[in-house]
Amino acid sequence: MKMNIKSFLKIMSAFAIAVLSQTASAQTTDTQRFTVTVPSTLSITGPADQTLTHDTTNNNQVFVPGSNTANHWAVQCNSGAGATVNLRTNTPFTHASNSAYKRDAKLDLAVSSSDNNGTSAIWTVSTASDQTNYAGADNIAAVQATSSQPGKATLALSVTFITNTYSTLLQGDYQIDVVGTIAAN
């Protein structure tokens, strides 16, 4: 029986060594991946409506956004090809209660701030100025800014009420709506 116990102990020792050697040869390297998913961003936000009182001269009346970025259009995209922004009016200034009275509108666009790719601004103006010509049946004025890569910007839009002759203006409010759109390139 001692022989059997010795044989049993040898077998158990061999088994223990086999188990320990399997544990000793376990995997020594592994990896874990961390992923950040960036959702698509494509946005345009216009400033609040603006009002001014005509200065009663024959001078054009200009809505200037100034340095306060709250008066600028905010745009952003993260498309690899960038985006295009269009700011447009489909009408000249038109009297609010008598649409027979109109005055032309002029739009002027500039980039007031832009993300930078290290060498230059990401956003640029591709159409800086346009105006309506209601007497010539051109009721549209449109300006445009573009980017060719992801980034954000603020765009300064100046809007001009072209007076011509003050004495021929009907008293009251003349209005236009400027519509801004952004699309990925």
C-alpha atoms as a PDB file:
ATOM      1  CA  MET A   1       0.000   0.000   0.000  1.00  0.00           C
ATOM      2  CA  LYS A   2       2.921   2.289   0.560  1.00  0.00           C
ATOM      3  CA  MET A   3       3.732   1.791  -3.051  1.00  0.00           C
ATOM      4  CA  ASN A   4       0.286   2.847  -4.051  1.00  0.00           C
ATOM      5  CA  ILE A   5       0.485   5.961  -1.921  1.00  0.00           C
ATOM      6  CA  LYS A   6       3.899   6.785  -3.403  1.00  0.00           C
ATOM      7  CA  SER A   7       2.561   6.200  -6.886  1.00  0.00           C
ATOM      8  CA  PHE A   8      -0.480   8.309  -6.072  1.00  0.00           C
ATOM      9  CA  LEU A   9       1.705  11.132  -4.725  1.00  0.00           C
ATOM     10  CA  LYS A  10       3.888  10.998  -7.837  1.00  0.00           C
ATOM     11  CA  ILE A  11       0.834  11.203 -10.050  1.00  0.00           C
ATOM     12  CA  MET A  12      -0.578  14.086  -7.991  1.00  0.00           C
ATOM     13  CA  SER A  13       2.781  15.873  -8.069  1.00  0.00           C
ATOM     14  CA  ALA A  14       2.979  15.476 -11.837  1.00  0.00           C
ATOM     15  CA  PHE A  15      -0.588  16.778 -12.133  1.00  0.00           C
ATOM     16  CA  ALA A  16       0.188  19.772  -9.873  1.00  0.00           C
ATOM     17  CA  ILE A  17       3.315  20.580 -11.896  1.00  0.00           C
ATOM     18  CA  ALA A  18       1.291  20.364 -15.119  1.00  0.00           C
ATOM     19  CA  VAL A  19      -1.378  22.698 -13.733  1.00  0.00           C
ATOM     20  CA  LEU A  20       1.191  25.154 -12.393  1.00  0.00           C
ATOM     21  CA  SER A  21       3.121  25.164 -15.644  1.00  0.00           C
ATOM     22  CA  GLN A  22      -0.076  25.939 -17.560  1.00  0.00           C
ATOM     23  CA  THR A  23      -0.713  28.884 -15.229  1.00  0.00           C
ATOM     24  CA  ALA A  24       2.866  30.020 -15.610  1.00  0.00           C
ATOM     25  CA  SER A  25       2.547  30.059 -19.398  1.00  0.00           C
ATOM     26  CA  ALA A  26      -0.591  32.299 -19.359  1.00  0.00           C
ATOM     27  CA  GLN A  27      -0.959  35.316 -21.700  1.00  0.00           C
ATOM     28  CA  THR A  28       1.455  38.137 -20.815  1.00  0.00           C
ATOM     29  CA  THR A  29       0.125  40.930 -23.097  1.00  0.00           C
ATOM     30  CA  ASP A  30      -3.345  42.130 -24.062  1.00  0.00           C
ATOM     31  CA  THR A  31      -4.982  45.350 -25.319  1.00  0.00           C
ATOM     32  CA  GLN A  32      -8.045  47.393 -24.542  1.00  0.00           C
ATOM     33  CA  ARG A  33      -9.378  49.907 -27.099  1.00  0.00           C
ATOM     34  CA  PHE A  34     -10.910  53.248 -26.106  1.00  0.00           C
ATOM     35  CA  THR A  35     -13.078  54.973 -28.740  1.00  0.00           C
ATOM     36  CA  VAL A  36     -14.536  58.470 -28.757  1.00  0.00           C
ATOM     37  CA  THR A  37     -17.418  58.931 -31.185  1.00  0.00           C
ATOM     38  CA  VAL A  38     -17.775  62.522 -32.416  1.00  0.00           C
ATOM     39  CA  PRO A  39     -21.317  63.205 -33.633  1.00  0.00           C
ATOM     40  CA  SER A  40     -21.973  65.294 -36.730  1.00  0.00           C
ATOM     41  CA  THR A  41     -22.166  69.053 -36.160  1.00  0.00           C
ATOM     42  CA  LEU A  42     -23.625  71.416 -38.715  1.00  0.00           C
ATOM     43  CA  SER A  43     -25.210  74.587 -37.350  1.00  0.00           C
ATOM     44  CA  ILE A  44     -25.986  78.211 -38.063  1.00  0.00           C
ATOM     45  CA  THR A  45     -27.353  80.713 -35.545  1.00  0.00           C
ATOM     46  CA  GLY A  46     -28.462  84.188 -36.517  1.00  0.00           C
ATOM     47  CA  PRO A  47     -28.354  87.222 -34.236  1.00  0.00           C
ATOM     48  CA  ALA A  48     -31.429  88.926 -32.796  1.00  0.00           C
ATOM     49  CA  ASP A  49     -33.624  91.126 -35.014  1.00  0.00           C
ATOM     50  CA  GLN A  50     -32.393  94.714 -35.389  1.00  0.00           C
ATOM     51  CA  THR A  51     -34.211  98.012 -35.746  1.00  0.00           C
ATOM     52  CA  LEU A  52     -32.974 101.524 -36.466  1.00  0.00           C
ATOM     53  CA  THR A  53     -34.618 104.901 -36.949  1.00  0.00           C
ATOM     54  CA  HIS A  54     -33.829 106.677 -40.222  1.00  0.00           C
ATOM     55  CA  ASP A  55     -31.637 109.766 -39.768  1.00  0.00           C
ATOM     56  CA  THR A  56     -33.920 111.789 -42.171  1.00  0.00           C
ATOM     57  CA  THR A  57     -31.141 112.449 -44.684  1.00  0.00           C
ATOM     58  CA  ASN A  58     -30.586 111.063 -48.163  1.00  0.00           C
ATOM     59  CA  ASN A  59     -27.859 108.836 -46.689  1.00  0.00           C
ATOM     60  CA  ASN A  60     -28.138 105.078 -46.801  1.00  0.00           C
ATOM     61  CA  GLN A  61     -29.001 103.503 -43.454  1.00  0.00           C
ATOM     62  CA  VAL A  62     -26.618 100.701 -42.453  1.00  0.00           C
ATOM     63  CA  PHE A  63     -27.115  97.966 -39.878  1.00  0.00           C
ATOM     64  CA  VAL A  64     -23.521  97.319 -38.786  1.00  0.00           C
ATOM     65  CA  PRO A  65     -22.853  94.315 -36.532  1.00  0.00           C
ATOM     66  CA  GLY A  66     -19.846  95.996 -34.880  1.00  0.00           C
ATOM     67  CA  SER A  67     -17.460  94.111 -32.628  1.00  0.00           C
ATOM     68  CA  ASN A  68     -20.164  92.570 -30.420  1.00  0.00           C
ATOM     69  CA  THR A  69     -20.265  88.952 -31.616  1.00  0.00           C
ATOM     70  CA  ALA A  70     -23.851  88.661 -30.352  1.00  0.00           C
ATOM     71  CA  ASN A  71     -24.688  90.636 -33.534  1.00  0.00           C
ATOM     72  CA  HIS A  72     -22.845  88.167 -35.783  1.00  0.00           C
ATOM     73  CA  TRP A  73     -23.908  84.900 -37.379  1.00  0.00           C
ATOM     74  CA  ALA A  74     -22.351  81.845 -35.687  1.00  0.00           C
ATOM     75  CA  VAL A  75     -21.547  78.854 -37.917  1.00  0.00           C
ATOM     76  CA  GLN A  76     -19.941  75.497 -37.256  1.00  0.00           C
ATOM     77  CA  CYS A  77     -19.353  72.231 -39.064  1.00  0.00           C
ATOM     78  CA  ASN A  78     -17.224  69.153 -38.573  1.00  0.00           C
ATOM     79  CA  SER A  79     -17.523  67.688 -42.052  1.00  0.00           C
ATOM     80  CA  GLY A  80     -14.141  66.692 -43.448  1.00  0.00           C
ATOM     81  CA  ALA A  81     -14.889  68.706 -46.596  1.00  0.00           C
ATOM     82  CA  GLY A  82     -16.138  71.773 -44.696  1.00  0.00           C
ATOM     83  CA  ALA A  83     -19.381  73.642 -45.364  1.00  0.00           C
ATOM     84  CA  THR A  84     -20.987  76.485 -47.286  1.00  0.00           C
ATOM     85  CA  VAL A  85     -23.060  79.240 -45.679  1.00  0.00           C
ATOM     86  CA  ASN A  86     -25.501  81.350 -47.683  1.00  0.00           C
ATOM     87  CA  LEU A  87     -27.110  84.509 -46.309  1.00  0.00           C
ATOM     88  CA  ARG A  88     -29.875  85.755 -48.566  1.00  0.00           C
ATOM     89  CA  THR A  89     -32.875  88.018 -48.851  1.00  0.00           C
ATOM     90  CA  ASN A  90     -35.540  87.360 -51.469  1.00  0.00           C
ATOM     91  CA  THR A  91     -37.011  90.861 -51.324  1.00  0.00           C
ATOM     92  CA  PRO A  92     -35.860  94.462 -51.163  1.00  0.00           C
ATOM     93  CA  PHE A  93     -36.859  96.465 -48.093  1.00  0.00           C
ATOM     94  CA  THR A  94     -40.656  96.615 -48.335  1.00  0.00           C
ATOM     95  CA  HIS A  95     -43.013  98.855 -46.400  1.00  0.00           C
ATOM     96  CA  ALA A  96     -44.826  96.781 -43.762  1.00  0.00           C
ATOM     97  CA  SER A  97     -48.334  98.109 -44.512  1.00  0.00           C
ATOM     98  CA  ASN A  98     -48.022  99.236 -48.164  1.00  0.00           C
ATOM     99  CA  SER A  99     -45.947  96.842 -50.284  1.00  0.00           C
ATOM    100  CA  ALA A 100     -45.904  99.299 -53.217  1.00  0.00           C
ATOM    101  CA  TYR A 101     -43.151 101.190 -51.356  1.00  0.00           C
ATOM    102  CA  LYS A 102     -39.748  99.518 -51.612  1.00  0.00           C
ATOM    103  CA  ARG A 103     -36.073 100.333 -51.227  1.00  0.00           C
ATOM    104  CA  ASP A 104     -33.132  98.251 -52.331  1.00  0.00           C
ATOM    105  CA  ALA A 105     -31.111  96.260 -49.833  1.00  0.00           C
ATOM    106  CA  LYS A 106     -27.384  95.619 -49.896  1.00  0.00           C
ATOM    107  CA  LEU A 107     -25.660  92.770 -48.021  1.00  0.00           C
ATOM    108  CA  ASP A 108     -21.948  92.849 -47.134  1.00  0.00           C
ATOM    109  CA  LEU A 109     -20.273  89.849 -45.486  1.00  0.00           C
ATOM    110  CA  ALA A 110     -16.970  89.465 -43.636  1.00  0.00           C
ATOM    111  CA  VAL A 111     -15.471  86.746 -41.439  1.00  0.00           C
ATOM    112  CA  SER A 112     -15.084  88.306 -37.995  1.00  0.00           C
ATOM    113  CA  SER A 113     -13.476  85.233 -36.405  1.00  0.00           C
ATOM    114  CA  SER A 114     -12.538  81.778 -37.597  1.00  0.00           C
ATOM    115  CA  ASP A 115     -10.815  78.673 -36.332  1.00  0.00           C
ATOM    116  CA  ASN A 116      -7.304  78.476 -37.719  1.00  0.00           C
ATOM    117  CA  ASN A 117      -5.573  75.408 -39.191  1.00  0.00           C
ATOM    118  CA  GLY A 118      -2.138  76.631 -38.100  1.00  0.00           C
ATOM    119  CA  THR A 119      -1.383  78.661 -41.215  1.00  0.00           C
ATOM    120  CA  SER A 120      -4.638  80.361 -42.199  1.00  0.00           C
ATOM    121  CA  ALA A 121      -8.288  80.859 -41.287  1.00  0.00           C
ATOM    122  CA  ILE A 122     -10.587  77.932 -42.027  1.00  0.00           C
ATOM    123  CA  TRP A 123     -13.541  80.082 -43.117  1.00  0.00           C
ATOM    124  CA  THR A 124     -13.368  82.560 -46.022  1.00  0.00           C
ATOM    125  CA  VAL A 125     -15.884  84.757 -47.834  1.00  0.00           C
ATOM    126  CA  SER A 126     -16.589  83.637 -51.390  1.00  0.00           C
ATOM    127  CA  THR A 127     -19.266  86.264 -52.223  1.00  0.00           C
ATOM    128  CA  ALA A 128     -18.698  89.418 -50.186  1.00  0.00           C
ATOM    129  CA  SER A 129     -21.403  91.769 -51.451  1.00  0.00           C
ATOM    130  CA  ASP A 130     -24.683  91.787 -53.350  1.00  0.00           C
ATOM    131  CA  GLN A 131     -27.739  93.999 -53.569  1.00  0.00           C
ATOM    132  CA  THR A 132     -31.284  93.941 -54.814  1.00  0.00           C
ATOM    133  CA  ASN A 133     -32.448  96.051 -57.754  1.00  0.00           C
ATOM    134  CA  TYR A 134     -36.224  96.057 -57.446  1.00  0.00           C
ATOM    135  CA  ALA A 135     -36.645  98.470 -60.397  1.00  0.00           C
ATOM    136  CA  GLY A 136     -34.760  95.937 -62.536  1.00  0.00           C
ATOM    137  CA  ALA A 137     -36.770  92.978 -61.130  1.00  0.00           C
ATOM    138  CA  ASP A 138     -33.794  91.636 -59.120  1.00  0.00           C
ATOM    139  CA  ASN A 139     -35.274  91.043 -55.687  1.00  0.00           C
ATOM    140  CA  ILE A 140     -32.490  88.766 -54.413  1.00  0.00           C
ATOM    141  CA  ALA A 141     -29.295  89.688 -52.618  1.00  0.00           C
ATOM    142  CA  ALA A 142     -27.050  86.819 -51.487  1.00  0.00           C
ATOM    143  CA  VAL A 143     -23.605  86.509 -49.907  1.00  0.00           C
ATOM    144  CA  GLN A 144     -21.597  83.385 -49.108  1.00  0.00           C
ATOM    145  CA  ALA A 145     -18.826  82.017 -46.876  1.00  0.00           C
ATOM    146  CA  THR A 146     -17.134  78.622 -47.141  1.00  0.00           C
ATOM    147  CA  SER A 147     -14.748  76.305 -45.359  1.00  0.00           C
ATOM    148  CA  SER A 148     -12.895  73.286 -46.708  1.00  0.00           C
ATOM    149  CA  GLN A 149     -12.428  71.523 -43.366  1.00  0.00           C
ATOM    150  CA  PRO A 150     -14.053  71.327 -39.922  1.00  0.00           C
ATOM    151  CA  GLY A 151     -14.263  74.541 -37.922  1.00  0.00           C
ATOM    152  CA  LYS A 152     -16.398  77.326 -36.542  1.00  0.00           C
ATOM    153  CA  ALA A 153     -16.637  81.027 -37.314  1.00  0.00           C
ATOM    154  CA  THR A 154     -18.573  84.195 -36.678  1.00  0.00           C
ATOM    155  CA  LEU A 155     -19.709  86.119 -39.730  1.00  0.00           C
ATOM    156  CA  ALA A 156     -20.351  89.878 -39.731  1.00  0.00           C
ATOM    157  CA  LEU A 157     -23.264  90.782 -41.979  1.00  0.00           C
ATOM    158  CA  SER A 158     -23.881  94.454 -42.719  1.00  0.00           C
ATOM    159  CA  VAL A 159     -27.287  95.266 -44.208  1.00  0.00           C
ATOM    160  CA  THR A 160     -27.863  98.561 -45.994  1.00  0.00           C
ATOM    161  CA  PHE A 161     -31.211 100.277 -46.627  1.00  0.00           C
ATOM    162  CA  ILE A 162     -30.559 102.231 -49.825  1.00  0.00           C
ATOM    163  CA  THR A 163     -32.412 105.519 -49.274  1.00  0.00           C
ATOM    164  CA  ASN A 164     -32.137 107.346 -52.626  1.00  0.00           C
ATOM    165  CA  THR A 165     -34.310 110.340 -51.777  1.00  0.00           C
ATOM    166  CA  TYR A 166     -35.561 110.622 -48.196  1.00  0.00           C
ATOM    167  CA  SER A 167     -38.532 112.856 -49.102  1.00  0.00           C
ATOM    168  CA  THR A 168     -40.072 110.055 -51.220  1.00  0.00           C
ATOM    169  CA  LEU A 169     -40.141 107.504 -48.388  1.00  0.00           C
ATOM    170  CA  LEU A 170     -43.551 106.635 -46.972  1.00  0.00           C
ATOM    171  CA  GLN A 171     -43.450 106.935 -43.176  1.00  0.00           C
ATOM    172  CA  GLY A 172     -43.544 103.618 -41.315  1.00  0.00           C
ATOM    173  CA  ASP A 173     -41.501 100.434 -41.184  1.00  0.00           C
ATOM    174  CA  TYR A 174     -39.589  98.930 -44.103  1.00  0.00           C
ATOM    175  CA  GLN A 175     -38.494  95.331 -43.540  1.00  0.00           C
ATOM    176  CA  ILE A 176     -36.513  92.476 -45.034  1.00  0.00           C
ATOM    177  CA  ASP A 177     -35.716  89.011 -43.737  1.00  0.00           C
ATOM    178  CA  VAL A 178     -32.256  87.565 -44.237  1.00  0.00           C
ATOM    179  CA  VAL A 179     -32.262  83.769 -44.226  1.00  0.00           C
ATOM    180  CA  GLY A 180     -29.107  81.867 -43.392  1.00  0.00           C
ATOM    181  CA  THR A 181     -28.456  78.286 -44.476  1.00  0.00           C
ATOM    182  CA  ILE A 182     -25.492  75.958 -43.993  1.00  0.00           C
ATOM    183  CA  ALA A 183     -24.750  72.757 -45.888  1.00  0.00           C
ATOM    184  CA  ALA A 184     -21.866  70.336 -45.683  1.00  0.00           C
ATOM    185  CA  ASN A 185     -19.591  70.341 -48.742  1.00  0.00           C
END
